[in-house]
PDB file of N, CA and C in Angstrom:
ATOM      1  N   MET A   1      26.238-153.529 160.732  1.00  0.00           N
ATOM      2  CA  MET A   1      26.153-154.676 159.859  1.00  0.00           C
ATOM      3  C   MET A   1      26.837-154.337 158.549  1.00  0.00           C
ATOM      4  N   ALA A   2      27.595-155.310 158.061  1.00  0.00           N
ATOM      5  CA  ALA A   2      28.272-155.149 156.782  1.00  0.00           C
ATOM      6  C   ALA A   2      28.552-156.518 156.196  1.00  0.00           C
ATOM      7  N   VAL A   3      28.723-156.551 154.889  1.00  0.00           N
ATOM      8  CA  VAL A   3      29.190-157.754 154.201  1.00  0.00           C
ATOM      9  C   VAL A   3      30.547-157.399 153.618  1.00  0.00           C
ATOM     10  N   THR A   4      31.568-158.177 153.972  1.00  0.00           N
ATOM     11  CA  THR A   4      32.913-157.891 153.502  1.00  0.00           C
ATOM     12  C   THR A   4      33.469-159.090 152.742  1.00  0.00           C
ATOM     13  N   PRO A   5      34.376-158.870 151.799  1.00  0.00           N
ATOM     14  CA  PRO A   5      34.949-159.980 151.047  1.00  0.00           C
ATOM     15  C   PRO A   5      35.731-160.957 151.932  1.00  0.00           C
ATOM     16  N   GLY A   6      36.423-160.454 152.938  1.00  0.00           N
ATOM     17  CA  GLY A   6      37.265-161.310 153.761  1.00  0.00           C
ATOM     18  C   GLY A   6      36.621-161.876 155.004  1.00  0.00           C
ATOM     19  N   ASN A   7      35.603-161.187 155.537  1.00  0.00           N
ATOM     20  CA  ASN A   7      35.029-161.599 156.819  1.00  0.00           C
ATOM     21  C   ASN A   7      33.575-162.031 156.752  1.00  0.00           C
ATOM     22  N   GLY A   8      32.960-162.045 155.591  1.00  0.00           N
ATOM     23  CA  GLY A   8      31.552-162.423 155.487  1.00  0.00           C
ATOM     24  C   GLY A   8      30.663-161.346 156.083  1.00  0.00           C
ATOM     25  N   VAL A   9      29.648-161.761 156.828  1.00  0.00           N
ATOM     26  CA  VAL A   9      28.727-160.824 157.470  1.00  0.00           C
ATOM     27  C   VAL A   9      29.300-160.453 158.841  1.00  0.00           C
ATOM     28  N   VAL A  10      29.410-159.162 159.088  1.00  0.00           N
ATOM     29  CA  VAL A  10      29.999-158.677 160.340  1.00  0.00           C
ATOM     30  C   VAL A  10      29.020-157.719 161.009  1.00  0.00           C
ATOM     31  N   ARG A  11      28.845-157.900 162.315  1.00  0.00           N
ATOM     32  CA  ARG A  11      28.030-156.978 163.108  1.00  0.00           C
ATOM     33  C   ARG A  11      28.896-156.474 164.254  1.00  0.00           C
ATOM     34  N   GLU A  12      29.040-155.171 164.362  1.00  0.00           N
ATOM     35  CA  GLU A  12      29.767-154.573 165.479  1.00  0.00           C
ATOM     36  C   GLU A  12      28.764-153.907 166.400  1.00  0.00           C
ATOM     37  N   TYR A  13      29.004-154.009 167.706  1.00  0.00           N
ATOM     38  CA  TYR A  13      28.053-153.436 168.652  1.00  0.00           C
ATOM     39  C   TYR A  13      28.721-153.044 169.958  1.00  0.00           C
ATOM     40  N   ASP A  14      28.009-152.223 170.706  1.00  0.00           N
ATOM     41  CA  ASP A  14      28.449-151.707 171.996  1.00  0.00           C
ATOM     42  C   ASP A  14      27.938-152.655 173.078  1.00  0.00           C
ATOM     43  N   SER A  15      28.807-153.514 173.568  1.00  0.00           N
ATOM     44  CA  SER A  15      28.371-154.563 174.499  1.00  0.00           C
ATOM     45  C   SER A  15      28.069-154.056 175.905  1.00  0.00           C
ATOM     46  N   ASN A  16      28.622-152.901 176.286  1.00  0.00           N
ATOM     47  CA  ASN A  16      28.418-152.443 177.665  1.00  0.00           C
ATOM     48  C   ASN A  16      27.726-151.085 177.764  1.00  0.00           C
ATOM     49  N   GLY A  17      27.263-150.547 176.628  1.00  0.00           N
ATOM     50  CA  GLY A  17      26.488-149.309 176.653  1.00  0.00           C
ATOM     51  C   GLY A  17      27.277-148.036 176.892  1.00  0.00           C
ATOM     52  N   ASP A  18      28.610-148.085 176.684  1.00  0.00           N
ATOM     53  CA  ASP A  18      29.403-146.886 176.929  1.00  0.00           C
ATOM     54  C   ASP A  18      29.556-145.985 175.704  1.00  0.00           C
ATOM     55  N   GLY A  19      28.904-146.345 174.594  1.00  0.00           N
ATOM     56  CA  GLY A  19      28.944-145.513 173.393  1.00  0.00           C
ATOM     57  C   GLY A  19      30.026-145.874 172.395  1.00  0.00           C
ATOM     58  N   TYR A  20      30.803-146.923 172.666  1.00  0.00           N
ATOM     59  CA  TYR A  20      31.871-147.349 171.768  1.00  0.00           C
ATOM     60  C   TYR A  20      31.585-148.748 171.230  1.00  0.00           C
ATOM     61  N   LEU A  21      31.804-148.931 169.923  1.00  0.00           N
ATOM     62  CA  LEU A  21      31.674-150.267 169.339  1.00  0.00           C
ATOM     63  C   LEU A  21      32.872-151.085 169.785  1.00  0.00           C
ATOM     64  N   ASP A  22      32.623-152.108 170.608  1.00  0.00           N
ATOM     65  CA  ASP A  22      33.731-152.856 171.197  1.00  0.00           C
ATOM     66  C   ASP A  22      33.638-154.363 170.997  1.00  0.00           C
ATOM     67  N   THR A  23      32.602-154.830 170.336  1.00  0.00           N
ATOM     68  CA  THR A  23      32.422-156.264 170.144  1.00  0.00           C
ATOM     69  C   THR A  23      32.026-156.518 168.700  1.00  0.00           C
ATOM     70  N   GLU A  24      32.519-157.638 168.166  1.00  0.00           N
ATOM     71  CA  GLU A  24      32.242-157.974 166.777  1.00  0.00           C
ATOM     72  C   GLU A  24      31.738-159.413 166.690  1.00  0.00           C
ATOM     73  N   ALA A  25      30.708-159.627 165.900  1.00  0.00           N
ATOM     74  CA  ALA A  25      30.210-160.971 165.613  1.00  0.00           C
ATOM     75  C   ALA A  25      30.359-161.184 164.114  1.00  0.00           C
ATOM     76  N   LYS A  26      30.887-162.348 163.719  1.00  0.00           N
ATOM     77  CA  LYS A  26      31.117-162.646 162.310  1.00  0.00           C
ATOM     78  C   LYS A  26      30.437-163.953 161.919  1.00  0.00           C
ATOM     79  N   ILE A  27      29.951-163.981 160.696  1.00  0.00           N
ATOM     80  CA  ILE A  27      29.508-165.215 160.060  1.00  0.00           C
ATOM     81  C   ILE A  27      30.354-165.320 158.795  1.00  0.00           C
ATOM     82  N   THR A  28      31.366-166.164 158.799  1.00  0.00           N
ATOM     83  CA  THR A  28      32.267-166.270 157.658  1.00  0.00           C
ATOM     84  C   THR A  28      31.686-167.182 156.589  1.00  0.00           C
ATOM     85  N   GLY A  29      32.223-167.063 155.393  1.00  0.00           N
ATOM     86  CA  GLY A  29      31.794-167.914 154.285  1.00  0.00           C
ATOM     87  C   GLY A  29      30.576-167.393 153.541  1.00  0.00           C
ATOM     88  N   ILE A  30      30.032-166.256 153.947  1.00  0.00           N
ATOM     89  CA  ILE A  30      28.873-165.656 153.280  1.00  0.00           C
ATOM     90  C   ILE A  30      29.397-164.615 152.300  1.00  0.00           C
ATOM     91  N   LYS A  31      28.893-164.657 151.074  1.00  0.00           N
ATOM     92  CA  LYS A  31      29.317-163.698 150.061  1.00  0.00           C
ATOM     93  C   LYS A  31      28.109-162.968 149.505  1.00  0.00           C
ATOM     94  N   ALA A  32      28.346-161.731 149.037  1.00  0.00           N
ATOM     95  CA  ALA A  32      27.286-160.927 148.425  1.00  0.00           C
ATOM     96  C   ALA A  32      26.805-161.627 147.150  1.00  0.00           C
ATOM     97  N   PRO A  33      25.548-161.474 146.781  1.00  0.00           N
ATOM     98  CA  PRO A  33      24.559-160.598 147.407  1.00  0.00           C
ATOM     99  C   PRO A  33      23.936-161.221 148.651  1.00  0.00           C
ATOM    100  N   VAL A  34      23.739-160.381 149.658  1.00  0.00           N
ATOM    101  CA  VAL A  34      23.156-160.793 150.930  1.00  0.00           C
ATOM    102  C   VAL A  34      22.218-159.692 151.390  1.00  0.00           C
ATOM    103  N   TRP A  35      21.078-160.071 151.937  1.00  0.00           N
ATOM    104  CA  TRP A  35      20.158-159.105 152.543  1.00  0.00           C
ATOM    105  C   TRP A  35      20.544-158.950 153.999  1.00  0.00           C
ATOM    106  N   LEU A  36      20.523-157.704 154.485  1.00  0.00           N
ATOM    107  CA  LEU A  36      20.783-157.410 155.893  1.00  0.00           C
ATOM    108  C   LEU A  36      19.542-156.772 156.484  1.00  0.00           C
ATOM    109  N   ARG A  37      19.269-157.091 157.739  1.00  0.00           N
ATOM    110  CA  ARG A  37      18.092-156.533 158.422  1.00  0.00           C
ATOM    111  C   ARG A  37      18.484-156.152 159.840  1.00  0.00           C
ATOM    112  N   LEU A  38      18.090-154.952 160.239  1.00  0.00           N
ATOM    113  CA  LEU A  38      18.208-154.526 161.626  1.00  0.00           C
ATOM    114  C   LEU A  38      16.801-154.359 162.171  1.00  0.00           C
ATOM    115  N   THR A  39      16.559-154.899 163.353  1.00  0.00           N
ATOM    116  CA  THR A  39      15.260-154.721 164.001  1.00  0.00           C
ATOM    117  C   THR A  39      15.492-154.113 165.371  1.00  0.00           C
ATOM    118  N   ARG A  40      14.568-153.266 165.770  1.00  0.00           N
ATOM    119  CA  ARG A  40      14.683-152.611 167.072  1.00  0.00           C
ATOM    120  C   ARG A  40      13.467-152.944 167.914  1.00  0.00           C
ATOM    121  N   THR A  41      13.730-153.361 169.149  1.00  0.00           N
ATOM    122  CA  THR A  41      12.696-153.594 170.148  1.00  0.00           C
ATOM    123  C   THR A  41      13.094-152.774 171.369  1.00  0.00           C
ATOM    124  N   GLY A  42      12.362-151.694 171.625  1.00  0.00           N
ATOM    125  CA  GLY A  42      12.756-150.791 172.714  1.00  0.00           C
ATOM    126  C   GLY A  42      14.098-150.183 172.384  1.00  0.00           C
ATOM    127  N   ASN A  43      15.094-150.398 173.249  1.00  0.00           N
ATOM    128  CA  ASN A  43      16.425-149.866 172.974  1.00  0.00           C
ATOM    129  C   ASN A  43      17.408-150.952 172.537  1.00  0.00           C
ATOM    130  N   GLN A  44      16.903-152.130 172.205  1.00  0.00           N
ATOM    131  CA  GLN A  44      17.739-153.235 171.732  1.00  0.00           C
ATOM    132  C   GLN A  44      17.655-153.336 170.213  1.00  0.00           C
ATOM    133  N   VAL A  45      18.800-153.467 169.554  1.00  0.00           N
ATOM    134  CA  VAL A  45      18.853-153.632 168.111  1.00  0.00           C
ATOM    135  C   VAL A  45      19.478-154.987 167.803  1.00  0.00           C
ATOM    136  N   SER A  46      18.833-155.741 166.917  1.00  0.00           N
ATOM    137  CA  SER A  46      19.342-157.048 166.506  1.00  0.00           C
ATOM    138  C   SER A  46      19.628-157.022 165.018  1.00  0.00           C
ATOM    139  N   GLY A  47      20.656-157.753 164.598  1.00  0.00           N
ATOM    140  CA  GLY A  47      21.036-157.814 163.189  1.00  0.00           C
ATOM    141  C   GLY A  47      20.847-159.204 162.630  1.00  0.00           C
ATOM    142  N   TYR A  48      20.399-159.275 161.377  1.00  0.00           N
ATOM    143  CA  TYR A  48      20.134-160.542 160.713  1.00  0.00           C
ATOM    144  C   TYR A  48      20.654-160.482 159.288  1.00  0.00           C
ATOM    145  N   TYR A  49      20.928-161.651 158.701  1.00  0.00           N
ATOM    146  CA  TYR A  49      21.287-161.722 157.288  1.00  0.00           C
ATOM    147  C   TYR A  49      20.482-162.835 156.620  1.00  0.00           C
ATOM    148  N   SER A  50      20.375-162.731 155.300  1.00  0.00           N
ATOM    149  CA  SER A  50      19.683-163.744 154.516  1.00  0.00           C
ATOM    150  C   SER A  50      20.358-163.866 153.164  1.00  0.00           C
ATOM    151  N   THR A  51      20.486-165.079 152.686  1.00  0.00           N
ATOM    152  CA  THR A  51      21.033-165.287 151.348  1.00  0.00           C
ATOM    153  C   THR A  51      19.939-165.412 150.304  1.00  0.00           C
ATOM    154  N   ASN A  52      18.677-165.520 150.751  1.00  0.00           N
ATOM    155  CA  ASN A  52      17.574-165.663 149.787  1.00  0.00           C
ATOM    156  C   ASN A  52      16.494-164.589 149.942  1.00  0.00           C
ATOM    157  N   GLY A  53      16.618-163.699 150.919  1.00  0.00           N
ATOM    158  CA  GLY A  53      15.639-162.638 151.119  1.00  0.00           C
ATOM    159  C   GLY A  53      14.392-163.066 151.860  1.00  0.00           C
ATOM    160  N   THR A  54      14.318-164.319 152.266  1.00  0.00           N
ATOM    161  CA  THR A  54      13.142-164.849 152.942  1.00  0.00           C
ATOM    162  C   THR A  54      13.466-165.348 154.350  1.00  0.00           C
ATOM    163  N   THR A  55      14.479-166.158 154.466  1.00  0.00           N
ATOM    164  CA  THR A  55      14.864-166.746 155.748  1.00  0.00           C
ATOM    165  C   THR A  55      16.052-165.969 156.311  1.00  0.00           C
ATOM    166  N   PHE A  56      15.854-165.341 157.477  1.00  0.00           N
ATOM    167  CA  PHE A  56      16.894-164.519 158.085  1.00  0.00           C
ATOM    168  C   PHE A  56      17.486-165.221 159.306  1.00  0.00           C
ATOM    169  N   THR A  57      18.807-165.077 159.471  1.00  0.00           N
ATOM    170  CA  THR A  57      19.545-165.683 160.580  1.00  0.00           C
ATOM    171  C   THR A  57      20.161-164.564 161.408  1.00  0.00           C
ATOM    172  N   GLN A  58      20.012-164.653 162.726  1.00  0.00           N
ATOM    173  CA  GLN A  58      20.565-163.618 163.595  1.00  0.00           C
ATOM    174  C   GLN A  58      22.071-163.713 163.671  1.00  0.00           C
ATOM    175  N   VAL A  59      22.718-162.551 163.698  1.00  0.00           N
ATOM    176  CA  VAL A  59      24.182-162.456 163.816  1.00  0.00           C
ATOM    177  C   VAL A  59      24.513-161.976 165.217  1.00  0.00           C
ATOM    178  N   GLY A  60      25.262-162.773 165.962  1.00  0.00           N
ATOM    179  CA  GLY A  60      25.688-162.383 167.307  1.00  0.00           C
ATOM    180  C   GLY A  60      24.609-162.398 168.343  1.00  0.00           C
TER     181      GLY A  60
END
């Protein structure tokens, strides 16, 4: 998870479990400051962002 000036909120992940980041999900138009959250359930990790620190939206 990252916030970039050109791409907004970006999440890169390994879509097939081979150990390489090969897929990217973007939410454009979002600018810092932004809260980022990663949550883990078992071996699954999900990424979220929030512009107000209260309401989080899943990325990808």
